[in-house]
Amino acid sequence: MPEYASITALDRLLDDLVVGEARRRQLGMVRGELLRALARGALPVAARRSLRRLLEEEALAPYLRLAESGALRTRLVDGKRPPTSEATNEIRRQCVDVLRDALGLPALLLGGGALALQPTPAFGDLAALRRQLDQDLAGYMSPGQIRLTAVLGLVLDAAPRSGELVALRLDDFTPGNTAVYVERRPQRGGGDLEGEGEHFELSPLTRAALDRWLPVRAELAQRAHGTSRLWVSLWHNHDGHAGEEGATLHRPPGMPLEENGLVTSYRRGRTRYGLAGLLPPKIEQLRRAVISEAPPVAVETAEPA
């Protein structure tokens, strides 16, 4: 089998990815299929030299069609290479998105698979979401709704991953909250290195939501002896780990919100605050919709003080 620079780069990327054993085996399947597709001359020539070109739609669309047809199988089934199953097709597409995400590329919503990818809102729905949030900000809002509205505004403006979103601190914002600095924290490893990031301009909607959230946050954080993290808890909870006497550690309101807490608040809030018709079930789906339909543009600005 010929050697290709893009496959060599893919191997390095796979070595750096932090994934479970099952996903690693699935990625290995995709790696083998891509190599065989290149060897057949089925992909653009540029995909042989560049990993980024290999993971662009021009190469992935024919790869997926060929792989789903069964032509890239290494083993025969009853002497033939039948089309791959619906489940395998879905796994293959998930793996493609894992690899693209590791390079900082958005998910591809390519047609042809028997199973559809999780739906994402269209641009019109994102515009409707902004209008609804703006309308909500004009009236009474509970602390939970205020926090969720600020979260959604930041996702709409900067499309951070959930890990990047939960890591935000007060000093990541420029004076007047006109922009936010998002440090890249790829969830599956690879991609942009931690410590690198960009500034994104914040919309009037998000600035208004932050104006509502920050006083609430300050009062809550003061009760818990302070934190610089942007998102804090609203209620008493516990850390989930039993101590020496078997009881879990009590956590007062105002403690830094962890990623699971942020994701849970999104899931519950979309129903509680009447947004189920505008928000997808998962916050990652909203982020991908923003990247696909209204991608944020980084701005040049001084580092926040």
C-alpha atoms as a PDB file:
ATOM      1  CA  MET A   1       0.000   0.000   0.000  1.00  0.00           C
ATOM      2  CA  PRO A   2       1.459   3.432  -0.937  1.00  0.00           C
ATOM      3  CA  GLU A   3       2.422   5.896   1.786  1.00  0.00           C
ATOM      4  CA  TYR A   4       0.704   9.279   1.890  1.00  0.00           C
ATOM      5  CA  ALA A   5       1.636  12.385   3.848  1.00  0.00           C
ATOM      6  CA  SER A   6      -1.996  12.928   4.858  1.00  0.00           C
ATOM      7  CA  ILE A   7      -2.224   9.450   6.394  1.00  0.00           C
ATOM      8  CA  THR A   8       1.044   9.993   8.257  1.00  0.00           C
ATOM      9  CA  ALA A   9      -0.415  13.221   9.677  1.00  0.00           C
ATOM     10  CA  LEU A  10      -3.637  11.380  10.493  1.00  0.00           C
ATOM     11  CA  ASP A  11      -1.670   8.794  12.463  1.00  0.00           C
ATOM     12  CA  ARG A  12      -0.079  11.561  14.529  1.00  0.00           C
ATOM     13  CA  LEU A  13      -3.498  13.080  15.154  1.00  0.00           C
ATOM     14  CA  LEU A  14      -4.898   9.727  16.256  1.00  0.00           C
ATOM     15  CA  ASP A  15      -1.986   9.217  18.638  1.00  0.00           C
ATOM     16  CA  ASP A  16      -2.845  12.503  20.364  1.00  0.00           C
ATOM     17  CA  LEU A  17      -6.608  12.006  20.576  1.00  0.00           C
ATOM     18  CA  VAL A  18      -8.037  11.225  24.001  1.00  0.00           C
ATOM     19  CA  VAL A  19     -10.863   8.774  23.299  1.00  0.00           C
ATOM     20  CA  GLY A  20     -12.148   5.479  24.639  1.00  0.00           C
ATOM     21  CA  GLU A  21     -11.059   2.118  23.297  1.00  0.00           C
ATOM     22  CA  ALA A  22     -14.273   1.566  21.335  1.00  0.00           C
ATOM     23  CA  ARG A  23     -13.994   4.942  19.590  1.00  0.00           C
ATOM     24  CA  ARG A  24     -10.296   4.325  18.905  1.00  0.00           C
ATOM     25  CA  ARG A  25     -11.158   1.073  17.114  1.00  0.00           C
ATOM     26  CA  GLN A  26     -13.817   2.878  15.084  1.00  0.00           C
ATOM     27  CA  LEU A  27     -11.337   5.602  14.138  1.00  0.00           C
ATOM     28  CA  GLY A  28      -8.910   2.885  13.098  1.00  0.00           C
ATOM     29  CA  MET A  29     -11.578   1.522  10.738  1.00  0.00           C
ATOM     30  CA  VAL A  30     -12.003   4.967   9.173  1.00  0.00           C
ATOM     31  CA  ARG A  31      -8.230   5.394   8.870  1.00  0.00           C
ATOM     32  CA  GLY A  32      -7.972   2.104   6.967  1.00  0.00           C
ATOM     33  CA  GLU A  33     -10.869   2.996   4.679  1.00  0.00           C
ATOM     34  CA  LEU A  34      -9.379   6.412   3.889  1.00  0.00           C
ATOM     35  CA  LEU A  35      -6.062   4.792   3.016  1.00  0.00           C
ATOM     36  CA  ARG A  36      -7.750   2.308   0.684  1.00  0.00           C
ATOM     37  CA  ALA A  37      -9.816   5.082  -0.917  1.00  0.00           C
ATOM     38  CA  LEU A  38      -6.626   7.053  -1.609  1.00  0.00           C
ATOM     39  CA  ALA A  39      -4.923   3.976  -3.033  1.00  0.00           C
ATOM     40  CA  ARG A  40      -7.856   3.474  -5.423  1.00  0.00           C
ATOM     41  CA  GLY A  41      -7.490   7.046  -6.662  1.00  0.00           C
ATOM     42  CA  ALA A  42     -11.042   7.759  -5.537  1.00  0.00           C
ATOM     43  CA  LEU A  43     -10.208  10.983  -3.689  1.00  0.00           C
ATOM     44  CA  PRO A  44      -8.726  14.294  -4.867  1.00  0.00           C
ATOM     45  CA  VAL A  45      -4.973  14.228  -5.393  1.00  0.00           C
ATOM     46  CA  ALA A  46      -4.490  17.023  -2.841  1.00  0.00           C
ATOM     47  CA  ALA A  47      -5.950  14.717  -0.176  1.00  0.00           C
ATOM     48  CA  ARG A  48      -2.830  12.582  -0.455  1.00  0.00           C
ATOM     49  CA  ARG A  49      -0.574  15.427   0.676  1.00  0.00           C
ATOM     50  CA  SER A  50      -2.632  17.303   3.287  1.00  0.00           C
ATOM     51  CA  LEU A  51      -4.650  16.017   6.232  1.00  0.00           C
ATOM     52  CA  ARG A  52      -6.836  19.117   6.117  1.00  0.00           C
ATOM     53  CA  ARG A  53      -7.607  18.462   2.440  1.00  0.00           C
ATOM     54  CA  LEU A  54      -8.291  14.821   3.281  1.00  0.00           C
ATOM     55  CA  LEU A  55     -10.893  15.936   5.843  1.00  0.00           C
ATOM     56  CA  GLU A  56     -12.572  18.505   3.614  1.00  0.00           C
ATOM     57  CA  GLU A  57     -15.956  17.835   2.042  1.00  0.00           C
ATOM     58  CA  GLU A  58     -14.462  17.376  -1.437  1.00  0.00           C
ATOM     59  CA  ALA A  59     -12.675  14.257  -0.193  1.00  0.00           C
ATOM     60  CA  LEU A  60     -15.050  13.056   2.490  1.00  0.00           C
ATOM     61  CA  ALA A  61     -18.195  13.025   0.348  1.00  0.00           C
ATOM     62  CA  PRO A  62     -16.818  10.487  -2.162  1.00  0.00           C
ATOM     63  CA  TYR A  63     -15.127   8.559   0.665  1.00  0.00           C
ATOM     64  CA  LEU A  64     -18.399   8.139   2.551  1.00  0.00           C
ATOM     65  CA  ARG A  65     -20.299   7.094  -0.562  1.00  0.00           C
ATOM     66  CA  LEU A  66     -17.627   4.528  -1.400  1.00  0.00           C
ATOM     67  CA  ALA A  67     -17.368   3.219   2.156  1.00  0.00           C
ATOM     68  CA  GLU A  68     -21.140   2.889   2.554  1.00  0.00           C
ATOM     69  CA  SER A  69     -21.317   0.945  -0.691  1.00  0.00           C
ATOM     70  CA  GLY A  70     -19.041  -1.683   0.863  1.00  0.00           C
ATOM     71  CA  ALA A  71     -16.296  -1.210  -1.721  1.00  0.00           C
ATOM     72  CA  LEU A  72     -13.698  -0.456   0.973  1.00  0.00           C
ATOM     73  CA  ARG A  73     -14.327  -3.623   2.973  1.00  0.00           C
ATOM     74  CA  THR A  74     -11.266  -5.783   3.610  1.00  0.00           C
ATOM     75  CA  ARG A  75     -13.268  -8.961   4.170  1.00  0.00           C
ATOM     76  CA  LEU A  76     -15.786 -10.545   1.845  1.00  0.00           C
ATOM     77  CA  VAL A  77     -19.273 -11.509   3.025  1.00  0.00           C
ATOM     78  CA  ASP A  78     -20.464 -14.595   1.142  1.00  0.00           C
ATOM     79  CA  GLY A  79     -17.900 -13.773  -1.500  1.00  0.00           C
ATOM     80  CA  LYS A  80     -19.168 -10.198  -1.907  1.00  0.00           C
ATOM     81  CA  ARG A  81     -18.695  -6.689  -0.490  1.00  0.00           C
ATOM     82  CA  PRO A  82     -22.243  -5.661   0.486  1.00  0.00           C
ATOM     83  CA  PRO A  83     -23.150  -2.153   1.666  1.00  0.00           C
ATOM     84  CA  THR A  84     -22.305  -1.462   5.281  1.00  0.00           C
ATOM     85  CA  SER A  85     -25.045  -1.358   7.914  1.00  0.00           C
ATOM     86  CA  GLU A  86     -26.951   1.702   9.089  1.00  0.00           C
ATOM     87  CA  ALA A  87     -25.167   1.544  12.447  1.00  0.00           C
ATOM     88  CA  THR A  88     -21.742   1.396  10.787  1.00  0.00           C
ATOM     89  CA  ASN A  89     -22.637   4.314   8.528  1.00  0.00           C
ATOM     90  CA  GLU A  90     -23.589   6.406  11.558  1.00  0.00           C
ATOM     91  CA  ILE A  91     -20.397   5.456  13.428  1.00  0.00           C
ATOM     92  CA  ARG A  92     -18.312   6.337  10.369  1.00  0.00           C
ATOM     93  CA  ARG A  93     -19.892   9.788  10.156  1.00  0.00           C
ATOM     94  CA  GLN A  94     -19.380  10.364  13.866  1.00  0.00           C
ATOM     95  CA  CYS A  95     -15.708   9.463  13.469  1.00  0.00           C
ATOM     96  CA  VAL A  96     -15.368  11.895  10.575  1.00  0.00           C
ATOM     97  CA  ASP A  97     -16.737  14.642  12.832  1.00  0.00           C
ATOM     98  CA  VAL A  98     -14.359  13.622  15.634  1.00  0.00           C
ATOM     99  CA  LEU A  99     -11.405  14.034  13.259  1.00  0.00           C
ATOM    100  CA  ARG A 100     -12.688  17.329  11.865  1.00  0.00           C
ATOM    101  CA  ASP A 101     -13.320  18.648  15.365  1.00  0.00           C
ATOM    102  CA  ALA A 102      -9.762  17.753  16.342  1.00  0.00           C
ATOM    103  CA  LEU A 103      -8.556  20.003  13.496  1.00  0.00           C
ATOM    104  CA  GLY A 104     -10.926  22.785  14.522  1.00  0.00           C
ATOM    105  CA  LEU A 105     -13.272  22.165  11.590  1.00  0.00           C
ATOM    106  CA  PRO A 106     -17.092  22.200  11.902  1.00  0.00           C
ATOM    107  CA  ALA A 107     -19.193  19.082  11.539  1.00  0.00           C
ATOM    108  CA  LEU A 108     -20.241  18.068   8.026  1.00  0.00           C
ATOM    109  CA  LEU A 109     -23.920  17.399   7.404  1.00  0.00           C
ATOM    110  CA  LEU A 110     -23.453  15.207   4.343  1.00  0.00           C
ATOM    111  CA  GLY A 111     -26.403  13.375   2.879  1.00  0.00           C
ATOM    112  CA  GLY A 112     -26.582   9.736   1.849  1.00  0.00           C
ATOM    113  CA  GLY A 113     -26.483   7.988   5.212  1.00  0.00           C
ATOM    114  CA  ALA A 114     -29.357   5.804   6.305  1.00  0.00           C
ATOM    115  CA  LEU A 115     -29.350   7.432   9.728  1.00  0.00           C
ATOM    116  CA  ALA A 116     -29.597  11.208   9.942  1.00  0.00           C
ATOM    117  CA  LEU A 117     -27.247  13.192  12.138  1.00  0.00           C
ATOM    118  CA  GLN A 118     -28.824  14.923  15.098  1.00  0.00           C
ATOM    119  CA  PRO A 119     -30.740  17.936  13.782  1.00  0.00           C
ATOM    120  CA  THR A 120     -29.422  21.446  14.174  1.00  0.00           C
ATOM    121  CA  PRO A 121     -31.431  24.655  13.989  1.00  0.00           C
ATOM    122  CA  ALA A 122     -31.441  26.512  10.697  1.00  0.00           C
ATOM    123  CA  PHE A 123     -30.375  30.152  10.410  1.00  0.00           C
ATOM    124  CA  GLY A 124     -33.974  31.334  10.576  1.00  0.00           C
ATOM    125  CA  ASP A 125     -34.399  29.471  13.850  1.00  0.00           C
ATOM    126  CA  LEU A 126     -31.255  31.093  15.246  1.00  0.00           C
ATOM    127  CA  ALA A 127     -32.679  34.498  14.361  1.00  0.00           C
ATOM    128  CA  ALA A 128     -35.961  33.534  16.037  1.00  0.00           C
ATOM    129  CA  LEU A 129     -34.021  32.405  19.104  1.00  0.00           C
ATOM    130  CA  ARG A 130     -32.319  35.788  19.335  1.00  0.00           C
ATOM    131  CA  ARG A 131     -35.667  37.557  19.056  1.00  0.00           C
ATOM    132  CA  GLN A 132     -37.172  35.407  21.807  1.00  0.00           C
ATOM    133  CA  LEU A 133     -34.208  35.953  24.136  1.00  0.00           C
ATOM    134  CA  ASP A 134     -34.343  39.688  23.521  1.00  0.00           C
ATOM    135  CA  GLN A 135     -38.053  39.682  24.337  1.00  0.00           C
ATOM    136  CA  ASP A 136     -37.430  37.675  27.522  1.00  0.00           C
ATOM    137  CA  LEU A 137     -34.807  40.177  28.660  1.00  0.00           C
ATOM    138  CA  ALA A 138     -37.420  42.925  28.595  1.00  0.00           C
ATOM    139  CA  GLY A 139     -39.414  41.297  31.412  1.00  0.00           C
ATOM    140  CA  TYR A 140     -38.982  39.482  34.711  1.00  0.00           C
ATOM    141  CA  MET A 141     -36.550  36.560  34.650  1.00  0.00           C
ATOM    142  CA  SER A 142     -35.580  34.118  37.361  1.00  0.00           C
ATOM    143  CA  PRO A 143     -31.849  33.732  38.140  1.00  0.00           C
ATOM    144  CA  GLY A 144     -31.844  30.439  36.218  1.00  0.00           C
ATOM    145  CA  GLN A 145     -33.376  32.024  33.137  1.00  0.00           C
ATOM    146  CA  ILE A 146     -30.958  34.951  33.333  1.00  0.00           C
ATOM    147  CA  ARG A 147     -27.994  32.581  33.489  1.00  0.00           C
ATOM    148  CA  LEU A 148     -29.256  30.454  30.612  1.00  0.00           C
ATOM    149  CA  THR A 149     -29.894  33.536  28.473  1.00  0.00           C
ATOM    150  CA  ALA A 150     -26.312  34.709  29.034  1.00  0.00           C
ATOM    151  CA  VAL A 151     -25.046  31.215  28.180  1.00  0.00           C
ATOM    152  CA  LEU A 152     -27.059  31.148  24.950  1.00  0.00           C
ATOM    153  CA  GLY A 153     -25.905  34.617  23.970  1.00  0.00           C
ATOM    154  CA  LEU A 154     -22.273  33.590  24.270  1.00  0.00           C
ATOM    155  CA  VAL A 155     -22.865  30.430  22.230  1.00  0.00           C
ATOM    156  CA  LEU A 156     -24.592  32.461  19.513  1.00  0.00           C
ATOM    157  CA  ASP A 157     -21.772  35.029  19.421  1.00  0.00           C
ATOM    158  CA  ALA A 158     -18.651  32.889  19.918  1.00  0.00           C
ATOM    159  CA  ALA A 159     -19.689  29.207  19.491  1.00  0.00           C
ATOM    160  CA  PRO A 160     -17.571  27.913  22.375  1.00  0.00           C
ATOM    161  CA  ARG A 161     -17.531  24.234  23.233  1.00  0.00           C
ATOM    162  CA  SER A 162     -19.115  23.424  26.586  1.00  0.00           C
ATOM    163  CA  GLY A 163     -15.680  22.999  28.179  1.00  0.00           C
ATOM    164  CA  GLU A 164     -14.575  26.373  26.841  1.00  0.00           C
ATOM    165  CA  LEU A 165     -17.814  27.964  27.980  1.00  0.00           C
ATOM    166  CA  VAL A 166     -17.638  26.668  31.546  1.00  0.00           C
ATOM    167  CA  ALA A 167     -13.985  27.757  31.853  1.00  0.00           C
ATOM    168  CA  LEU A 168     -14.760  31.439  31.213  1.00  0.00           C
ATOM    169  CA  ARG A 169     -13.664  33.900  33.894  1.00  0.00           C
ATOM    170  CA  LEU A 170     -14.490  37.527  34.509  1.00  0.00           C
ATOM    171  CA  ASP A 171     -11.148  38.701  33.141  1.00  0.00           C
ATOM    172  CA  ASP A 172     -11.847  37.016  29.792  1.00  0.00           C
ATOM    173  CA  PHE A 173     -14.123  39.970  28.942  1.00  0.00           C
ATOM    174  CA  THR A 174     -12.968  43.310  27.603  1.00  0.00           C
ATOM    175  CA  PRO A 175     -14.155  46.529  29.317  1.00  0.00           C
ATOM    176  CA  GLY A 176     -17.876  47.020  28.848  1.00  0.00           C
ATOM    177  CA  ASN A 177     -18.205  43.332  27.900  1.00  0.00           C
ATOM    178  CA  THR A 178     -17.797  44.244  24.252  1.00  0.00           C
ATOM    179  CA  ALA A 179     -15.789  41.098  23.479  1.00  0.00           C
ATOM    180  CA  VAL A 180     -14.882  37.778  25.067  1.00  0.00           C
ATOM    181  CA  TYR A 181     -11.660  35.800  24.877  1.00  0.00           C
ATOM    182  CA  VAL A 182     -12.288  32.074  24.324  1.00  0.00           C
ATOM    183  CA  GLU A 183      -9.406  29.736  25.059  1.00  0.00           C
ATOM    184  CA  ARG A 184      -9.573  26.617  22.958  1.00  0.00           C
ATOM    185  CA  ARG A 185     -10.098  23.398  24.896  1.00  0.00           C
ATOM    186  CA  PRO A 186     -10.857  20.626  22.364  1.00  0.00           C
ATOM    187  CA  GLN A 187     -13.041  18.025  24.034  1.00  0.00           C
ATOM    188  CA  ARG A 188     -11.624  15.050  22.169  1.00  0.00           C
ATOM    189  CA  GLY A 189      -8.008  16.125  22.106  1.00  0.00           C
ATOM    190  CA  GLY A 190      -6.077  17.448  19.141  1.00  0.00           C
ATOM    191  CA  GLY A 191      -7.055  20.629  17.307  1.00  0.00           C
ATOM    192  CA  ASP A 192      -6.098  23.966  18.796  1.00  0.00           C
ATOM    193  CA  LEU A 193      -3.735  23.806  21.729  1.00  0.00           C
ATOM    194  CA  GLU A 194      -4.847  24.885  25.165  1.00  0.00           C
ATOM    195  CA  GLY A 195      -3.604  28.366  25.876  1.00  0.00           C
ATOM    196  CA  GLU A 196      -4.483  29.557  22.373  1.00  0.00           C
ATOM    197  CA  GLY A 197      -7.700  31.360  21.625  1.00  0.00           C
ATOM    198  CA  GLU A 198      -9.458  34.289  20.018  1.00  0.00           C
ATOM    199  CA  HIS A 199     -11.589  37.289  20.882  1.00  0.00           C
ATOM    200  CA  PHE A 200     -15.179  37.463  19.647  1.00  0.00           C
ATOM    201  CA  GLU A 201     -17.336  40.559  19.573  1.00  0.00           C
ATOM    202  CA  LEU A 202     -20.432  40.339  21.747  1.00  0.00           C
ATOM    203  CA  SER A 203     -23.856  41.361  20.473  1.00  0.00           C
ATOM    204  CA  PRO A 204     -26.152  43.818  22.290  1.00  0.00           C
ATOM    205  CA  LEU A 205     -28.263  40.805  23.286  1.00  0.00           C
ATOM    206  CA  THR A 206     -25.367  39.082  25.030  1.00  0.00           C
ATOM    207  CA  ARG A 207     -24.159  42.282  26.696  1.00  0.00           C
ATOM    208  CA  ALA A 208     -27.674  42.877  28.024  1.00  0.00           C
ATOM    209  CA  ALA A 209     -27.852  39.296  29.318  1.00  0.00           C
ATOM    210  CA  LEU A 210     -24.480  39.688  31.037  1.00  0.00           C
ATOM    211  CA  ASP A 211     -25.668  42.956  32.593  1.00  0.00           C
ATOM    212  CA  ARG A 212     -28.518  40.963  34.152  1.00  0.00           C
ATOM    213  CA  TRP A 213     -26.380  37.963  35.145  1.00  0.00           C
ATOM    214  CA  LEU A 214     -23.289  39.593  36.639  1.00  0.00           C
ATOM    215  CA  PRO A 215     -25.036  41.250  39.650  1.00  0.00           C
ATOM    216  CA  VAL A 216     -26.814  37.949  40.415  1.00  0.00           C
ATOM    217  CA  ARG A 217     -23.529  36.091  40.048  1.00  0.00           C
ATOM    218  CA  ALA A 218     -21.681  38.538  42.302  1.00  0.00           C
ATOM    219  CA  GLU A 219     -24.182  38.099  45.136  1.00  0.00           C
ATOM    220  CA  LEU A 220     -24.093  34.309  44.837  1.00  0.00           C
ATOM    221  CA  ALA A 221     -20.296  34.149  44.630  1.00  0.00           C
ATOM    222  CA  GLN A 222     -19.933  36.390  47.675  1.00  0.00           C
ATOM    223  CA  ARG A 223     -21.895  33.881  49.742  1.00  0.00           C
ATOM    224  CA  ALA A 224     -19.446  31.163  48.677  1.00  0.00           C
ATOM    225  CA  HIS A 225     -16.354  33.301  49.436  1.00  0.00           C
ATOM    226  CA  GLY A 226     -15.818  34.376  45.843  1.00  0.00           C
ATOM    227  CA  THR A 227     -14.599  32.944  42.540  1.00  0.00           C
ATOM    228  CA  SER A 228     -13.496  34.469  39.244  1.00  0.00           C
ATOM    229  CA  ARG A 229     -15.436  31.908  37.201  1.00  0.00           C
ATOM    230  CA  LEU A 230     -18.305  33.365  35.181  1.00  0.00           C
ATOM    231  CA  TRP A 231     -20.837  30.640  35.892  1.00  0.00           C
ATOM    232  CA  VAL A 232     -21.797  29.735  39.439  1.00  0.00           C
ATOM    233  CA  SER A 233     -24.421  27.479  40.988  1.00  0.00           C
ATOM    234  CA  LEU A 234     -27.804  28.811  42.047  1.00  0.00           C
ATOM    235  CA  TRP A 235     -28.711  26.275  44.714  1.00  0.00           C
ATOM    236  CA  HIS A 236     -27.223  24.130  47.457  1.00  0.00           C
ATOM    237  CA  ASN A 237     -25.784  20.890  46.137  1.00  0.00           C
ATOM    238  CA  HIS A 238     -22.989  18.428  46.852  1.00  0.00           C
ATOM    239  CA  ASP A 239     -19.814  17.312  45.139  1.00  0.00           C
ATOM    240  CA  GLY A 240     -21.004  13.736  44.556  1.00  0.00           C
ATOM    241  CA  HIS A 241     -18.079  12.144  46.433  1.00  0.00           C
ATOM    242  CA  ALA A 242     -18.513  10.476  49.811  1.00  0.00           C
ATOM    243  CA  GLY A 243     -16.201  11.677  52.566  1.00  0.00           C
ATOM    244  CA  GLU A 244     -14.606   9.731  55.396  1.00  0.00           C
ATOM    245  CA  GLU A 245     -17.941   9.411  57.199  1.00  0.00           C
ATOM    246  CA  GLY A 246     -19.857   8.479  54.054  1.00  0.00           C
ATOM    247  CA  ALA A 247     -21.564  11.836  53.526  1.00  0.00           C
ATOM    248  CA  THR A 248     -21.029  13.988  50.458  1.00  0.00           C
ATOM    249  CA  LEU A 249     -19.459  17.420  50.785  1.00  0.00           C
ATOM    250  CA  HIS A 250     -22.001  20.221  50.967  1.00  0.00           C
ATOM    251  CA  ARG A 251     -21.602  22.986  48.377  1.00  0.00           C
ATOM    252  CA  PRO A 252     -23.373  26.318  48.943  1.00  0.00           C
ATOM    253  CA  PRO A 253     -24.836  28.421  46.129  1.00  0.00           C
ATOM    254  CA  GLY A 254     -22.262  30.483  44.272  1.00  0.00           C
ATOM    255  CA  MET A 255     -19.737  27.699  43.729  1.00  0.00           C
ATOM    256  CA  PRO A 256     -18.147  27.411  40.245  1.00  0.00           C
ATOM    257  CA  LEU A 257     -20.441  25.548  37.883  1.00  0.00           C
ATOM    258  CA  GLU A 258     -18.846  22.461  36.340  1.00  0.00           C
ATOM    259  CA  GLU A 259     -19.415  21.270  32.795  1.00  0.00           C
ATOM    260  CA  ASN A 260     -22.012  18.654  33.738  1.00  0.00           C
ATOM    261  CA  GLY A 261     -23.941  21.284  35.669  1.00  0.00           C
ATOM    262  CA  LEU A 262     -23.885  23.676  32.723  1.00  0.00           C
ATOM    263  CA  VAL A 263     -25.083  20.996  30.303  1.00  0.00           C
ATOM    264  CA  THR A 264     -27.824  19.925  32.720  1.00  0.00           C
ATOM    265  CA  SER A 265     -29.007  23.515  33.187  1.00  0.00           C
ATOM    266  CA  TYR A 266     -29.244  23.874  29.397  1.00  0.00           C
ATOM    267  CA  ARG A 267     -31.237  20.667  29.025  1.00  0.00           C
ATOM    268  CA  ARG A 268     -33.696  21.566  31.772  1.00  0.00           C
ATOM    269  CA  GLY A 269     -33.885  25.239  30.887  1.00  0.00           C
ATOM    270  CA  ARG A 270     -34.934  24.733  27.273  1.00  0.00           C
ATOM    271  CA  THR A 271     -38.171  23.180  28.555  1.00  0.00           C
ATOM    272  CA  ARG A 272     -38.603  25.202  31.738  1.00  0.00           C
ATOM    273  CA  TYR A 273     -38.297  28.566  29.971  1.00  0.00           C
ATOM    274  CA  GLY A 274     -40.330  27.746  26.870  1.00  0.00           C
ATOM    275  CA  LEU A 275     -37.411  27.362  24.448  1.00  0.00           C
ATOM    276  CA  ALA A 276     -37.849  23.718  23.431  1.00  0.00           C
ATOM    277  CA  GLY A 277     -39.152  24.770  20.015  1.00  0.00           C
ATOM    278  CA  LEU A 278     -36.082  26.918  19.346  1.00  0.00           C
ATOM    279  CA  LEU A 279     -33.259  24.989  21.011  1.00  0.00           C
ATOM    280  CA  PRO A 280     -31.995  21.530  20.052  1.00  0.00           C
ATOM    281  CA  PRO A 281     -31.751  18.937  22.853  1.00  0.00           C
ATOM    282  CA  LYS A 282     -27.987  19.344  23.232  1.00  0.00           C
ATOM    283  CA  ILE A 283     -25.917  22.483  23.555  1.00  0.00           C
ATOM    284  CA  GLU A 284     -23.323  20.994  21.171  1.00  0.00           C
ATOM    285  CA  GLN A 285     -25.994  20.872  18.450  1.00  0.00           C
ATOM    286  CA  LEU A 286     -26.610  24.587  18.954  1.00  0.00           C
ATOM    287  CA  ARG A 287     -22.869  25.298  18.710  1.00  0.00           C
ATOM    288  CA  ARG A 288     -22.626  23.368  15.452  1.00  0.00           C
ATOM    289  CA  ALA A 289     -25.646  25.188  14.039  1.00  0.00           C
ATOM    290  CA  VAL A 290     -23.991  28.516  14.810  1.00  0.00           C
ATOM    291  CA  ILE A 291     -20.758  27.412  13.127  1.00  0.00           C
ATOM    292  CA  SER A 292     -22.669  26.133  10.117  1.00  0.00           C
ATOM    293  CA  GLU A 293     -25.215  28.921   9.669  1.00  0.00           C
ATOM    294  CA  ALA A 294     -23.774  32.039  11.330  1.00  0.00           C
ATOM    295  CA  PRO A 295     -20.083  31.390  12.054  1.00  0.00           C
ATOM    296  CA  PRO A 296     -18.520  33.825  14.554  1.00  0.00           C
ATOM    297  CA  VAL A 297     -15.707  36.048  13.326  1.00  0.00           C
ATOM    298  CA  ALA A 298     -12.731  36.655  15.577  1.00  0.00           C
ATOM    299  CA  VAL A 299     -11.832  40.302  16.193  1.00  0.00           C
ATOM    300  CA  GLU A 300      -8.561  42.030  16.902  1.00  0.00           C
ATOM    301  CA  THR A 301      -8.561  43.504  20.373  1.00  0.00           C
ATOM    302  CA  ALA A 302      -6.266  44.003  23.307  1.00  0.00           C
ATOM    303  CA  GLU A 303      -6.027  41.232  25.865  1.00  0.00           C
ATOM    304  CA  PRO A 304      -8.507  41.737  28.704  1.00  0.00           C
ATOM    305  CA  ALA A 305      -6.947  43.304  31.791  1.00  0.00           C
END
